[in-house]
Amino acid sequence: MKTNVNAPAKLHVKKGDTVKVLAGNSRGKTGKVLEVFPSKYRAIVEGVNVVSKHTKPSATNPNGGIEKTEASVHLSNLMVVDPASGQAARTGRKVNDSGKLERYFKSK
């Protein structure tokens, strides 16, 4: 049986999720996922891993200066927050009645 190398990765995080950071300088913070990069296994989370970026003066930004932006975080350091309980929980997938995969929280 041949496997497809370019198949999209099955990720536990998707755009719009509220996640909690488990490790790193932003540990313990929660935020909304703005963008996910499946090929790199990274995501950008609102208000998490904020870095300073130095910009040169240009036509669009005549002053230049230092701007703060969110950098990506590895997906292994993120855990999805259950909207019902408000706590971070592991997720799983199961097939519903219509034959479509749906995500569920494994919290007790």
C-alpha atoms as a PDB file:
ATOM      1  CA  MET A   1       0.000   0.000   0.000  1.00  0.00           C
ATOM      2  CA  LYS A   2       1.392   3.368  -1.011  1.00  0.00           C
ATOM      3  CA  THR A   3       1.143   6.338   1.361  1.00  0.00           C
ATOM      4  CA  ASN A   4       0.669   9.876   0.171  1.00  0.00           C
ATOM      5  CA  VAL A   5       3.583  11.984   1.416  1.00  0.00           C
ATOM      6  CA  ASN A   6       1.859  15.263   0.541  1.00  0.00           C
ATOM      7  CA  ALA A   7      -1.352  14.486   2.429  1.00  0.00           C
ATOM      8  CA  PRO A   8      -2.457  17.258   4.804  1.00  0.00           C
ATOM      9  CA  ALA A   9      -1.485  16.608   8.406  1.00  0.00           C
ATOM     10  CA  LYS A  10      -4.154  15.739  10.955  1.00  0.00           C
ATOM     11  CA  LEU A  11      -3.792  18.531  13.494  1.00  0.00           C
ATOM     12  CA  HIS A  12      -5.485  19.027  16.857  1.00  0.00           C
ATOM     13  CA  VAL A  13      -5.513  22.824  16.406  1.00  0.00           C
ATOM     14  CA  LYS A  14      -7.375  24.837  13.788  1.00  0.00           C
ATOM     15  CA  LYS A  15      -7.915  28.502  13.011  1.00  0.00           C
ATOM     16  CA  GLY A  16     -10.296  30.205  15.438  1.00  0.00           C
ATOM     17  CA  ASP A  17      -9.651  27.803  18.343  1.00  0.00           C
ATOM     18  CA  THR A  18      -8.860  29.130  21.792  1.00  0.00           C
ATOM     19  CA  VAL A  19      -5.648  27.487  22.973  1.00  0.00           C
ATOM     20  CA  LYS A  20      -3.464  27.434  26.080  1.00  0.00           C
ATOM     21  CA  VAL A  21       0.337  27.549  25.815  1.00  0.00           C
ATOM     22  CA  LEU A  22       2.007  24.667  27.680  1.00  0.00           C
ATOM     23  CA  ALA A  23       5.697  25.592  27.310  1.00  0.00           C
ATOM     24  CA  GLY A  24       7.988  28.501  26.478  1.00  0.00           C
ATOM     25  CA  ASN A  25       8.144  32.138  27.523  1.00  0.00           C
ATOM     26  CA  SER A  26       4.376  32.551  27.066  1.00  0.00           C
ATOM     27  CA  ARG A  27       3.531  29.500  29.197  1.00  0.00           C
ATOM     28  CA  GLY A  28       0.076  29.644  30.786  1.00  0.00           C
ATOM     29  CA  LYS A  29      -1.304  32.277  28.414  1.00  0.00           C
ATOM     30  CA  THR A  30      -4.422  31.658  26.359  1.00  0.00           C
ATOM     31  CA  GLY A  31      -5.307  33.136  23.005  1.00  0.00           C
ATOM     32  CA  LYS A  32      -7.117  32.676  19.722  1.00  0.00           C
ATOM     33  CA  VAL A  33      -5.368  30.905  16.831  1.00  0.00           C
ATOM     34  CA  LEU A  34      -4.937  33.383  13.970  1.00  0.00           C
ATOM     35  CA  GLU A  35      -3.158  31.143  11.453  1.00  0.00           C
ATOM     36  CA  VAL A  36      -1.933  27.538  11.220  1.00  0.00           C
ATOM     37  CA  PHE A  37       1.019  26.283   9.147  1.00  0.00           C
ATOM     38  CA  PRO A  38       0.484  22.486   8.774  1.00  0.00           C
ATOM     39  CA  SER A  39       3.704  21.893   6.851  1.00  0.00           C
ATOM     40  CA  LYS A  40       5.791  23.442   9.660  1.00  0.00           C
ATOM     41  CA  TYR A  41       3.571  22.216  12.568  1.00  0.00           C
ATOM     42  CA  ARG A  42       3.349  25.777  13.869  1.00  0.00           C
ATOM     43  CA  ALA A  43       0.601  28.308  14.602  1.00  0.00           C
ATOM     44  CA  ILE A  44       0.308  32.020  15.321  1.00  0.00           C
ATOM     45  CA  VAL A  45      -1.672  32.754  18.487  1.00  0.00           C
ATOM     46  CA  GLU A  46      -3.058  36.181  19.372  1.00  0.00           C
ATOM     47  CA  GLY A  47      -1.043  37.890  22.138  1.00  0.00           C
ATOM     48  CA  VAL A  48       1.398  34.983  22.524  1.00  0.00           C
ATOM     49  CA  ASN A  49       5.146  34.907  21.697  1.00  0.00           C
ATOM     50  CA  VAL A  50       5.246  38.625  20.888  1.00  0.00           C
ATOM     51  CA  VAL A  51       8.549  39.692  19.306  1.00  0.00           C
ATOM     52  CA  SER A  52       9.978  43.082  18.321  1.00  0.00           C
ATOM     53  CA  LYS A  53      10.621  43.563  14.625  1.00  0.00           C
ATOM     54  CA  HIS A  54      12.838  46.405  13.431  1.00  0.00           C
ATOM     55  CA  THR A  55      11.604  48.015  10.211  1.00  0.00           C
ATOM     56  CA  LYS A  56      13.503  50.390   7.943  1.00  0.00           C
ATOM     57  CA  PRO A  57      11.808  53.572   6.762  1.00  0.00           C
ATOM     58  CA  SER A  58       9.986  53.064   3.459  1.00  0.00           C
ATOM     59  CA  ALA A  59       7.366  54.759   1.315  1.00  0.00           C
ATOM     60  CA  THR A  60       4.529  53.044   3.179  1.00  0.00           C
ATOM     61  CA  ASN A  61       6.143  53.525   6.608  1.00  0.00           C
ATOM     62  CA  PRO A  62       8.217  56.740   6.478  1.00  0.00           C
ATOM     63  CA  ASN A  63       9.256  56.641  10.135  1.00  0.00           C
ATOM     64  CA  GLY A  64      10.273  52.975  10.353  1.00  0.00           C
ATOM     65  CA  GLY A  65      10.866  51.884  13.947  1.00  0.00           C
ATOM     66  CA  ILE A  66      10.149  48.872  16.121  1.00  0.00           C
ATOM     67  CA  GLU A  67       6.837  47.050  15.794  1.00  0.00           C
ATOM     68  CA  LYS A  68       5.570  44.208  17.959  1.00  0.00           C
ATOM     69  CA  THR A  69       4.204  41.126  16.176  1.00  0.00           C
ATOM     70  CA  GLU A  70       3.255  37.581  17.138  1.00  0.00           C
ATOM     71  CA  ALA A  71       5.710  34.853  16.155  1.00  0.00           C
ATOM     72  CA  SER A  72       4.674  31.254  15.529  1.00  0.00           C
ATOM     73  CA  VAL A  73       4.523  28.605  18.264  1.00  0.00           C
ATOM     74  CA  HIS A  74       5.062  24.862  17.734  1.00  0.00           C
ATOM     75  CA  LEU A  75       1.807  22.881  17.884  1.00  0.00           C
ATOM     76  CA  SER A  76       3.193  20.513  20.528  1.00  0.00           C
ATOM     77  CA  ASN A  77       3.206  23.463  22.951  1.00  0.00           C
ATOM     78  CA  LEU A  78      -0.507  24.218  22.437  1.00  0.00           C
ATOM     79  CA  MET A  79      -3.592  22.615  23.953  1.00  0.00           C
ATOM     80  CA  VAL A  80      -7.158  23.381  22.876  1.00  0.00           C
ATOM     81  CA  VAL A  81      -9.458  24.948  25.501  1.00  0.00           C
ATOM     82  CA  ASP A  82     -12.846  23.258  25.882  1.00  0.00           C
ATOM     83  CA  PRO A  83     -15.557  25.933  25.425  1.00  0.00           C
ATOM     84  CA  ALA A  84     -17.931  24.099  27.788  1.00  0.00           C
ATOM     85  CA  SER A  85     -15.612  23.838  30.806  1.00  0.00           C
ATOM     86  CA  GLY A  86     -13.141  26.612  29.971  1.00  0.00           C
ATOM     87  CA  GLN A  87     -10.158  24.359  30.689  1.00  0.00           C
ATOM     88  CA  ALA A  88      -7.538  22.910  28.364  1.00  0.00           C
ATOM     89  CA  ALA A  89      -8.376  19.356  27.319  1.00  0.00           C
ATOM     90  CA  ARG A  90      -7.096  16.670  24.988  1.00  0.00           C
ATOM     91  CA  THR A  91      -9.042  16.153  21.794  1.00  0.00           C
ATOM     92  CA  GLY A  92      -9.977  13.113  19.733  1.00  0.00           C
ATOM     93  CA  ARG A  93     -11.860  12.324  16.544  1.00  0.00           C
ATOM     94  CA  LYS A  94     -14.822  10.055  15.989  1.00  0.00           C
ATOM     95  CA  VAL A  95     -17.143   9.364  13.078  1.00  0.00           C
ATOM     96  CA  ASN A  96     -20.642  10.730  13.608  1.00  0.00           C
ATOM     97  CA  ASP A  97     -23.887   9.279  12.207  1.00  0.00           C
ATOM     98  CA  SER A  98     -23.507  11.007   8.844  1.00  0.00           C
ATOM     99  CA  GLY A  99     -20.053   9.453   8.351  1.00  0.00           C
ATOM    100  CA  LYS A 100     -18.143  12.694   8.929  1.00  0.00           C
ATOM    101  CA  LEU A 101     -15.236  13.056  11.371  1.00  0.00           C
ATOM    102  CA  GLU A 102     -15.968  15.327  14.309  1.00  0.00           C
ATOM    103  CA  ARG A 103     -13.708  16.481  17.107  1.00  0.00           C
ATOM    104  CA  TYR A 104     -14.549  15.829  20.755  1.00  0.00           C
ATOM    105  CA  PHE A 105     -12.915  16.698  24.063  1.00  0.00           C
ATOM    106  CA  LYS A 106     -11.604  13.864  26.234  1.00  0.00           C
ATOM    107  CA  SER A 107     -12.249  15.715  29.503  1.00  0.00           C
ATOM    108  CA  LYS A 108     -14.073  13.793  32.222  1.00  0.00           C
END
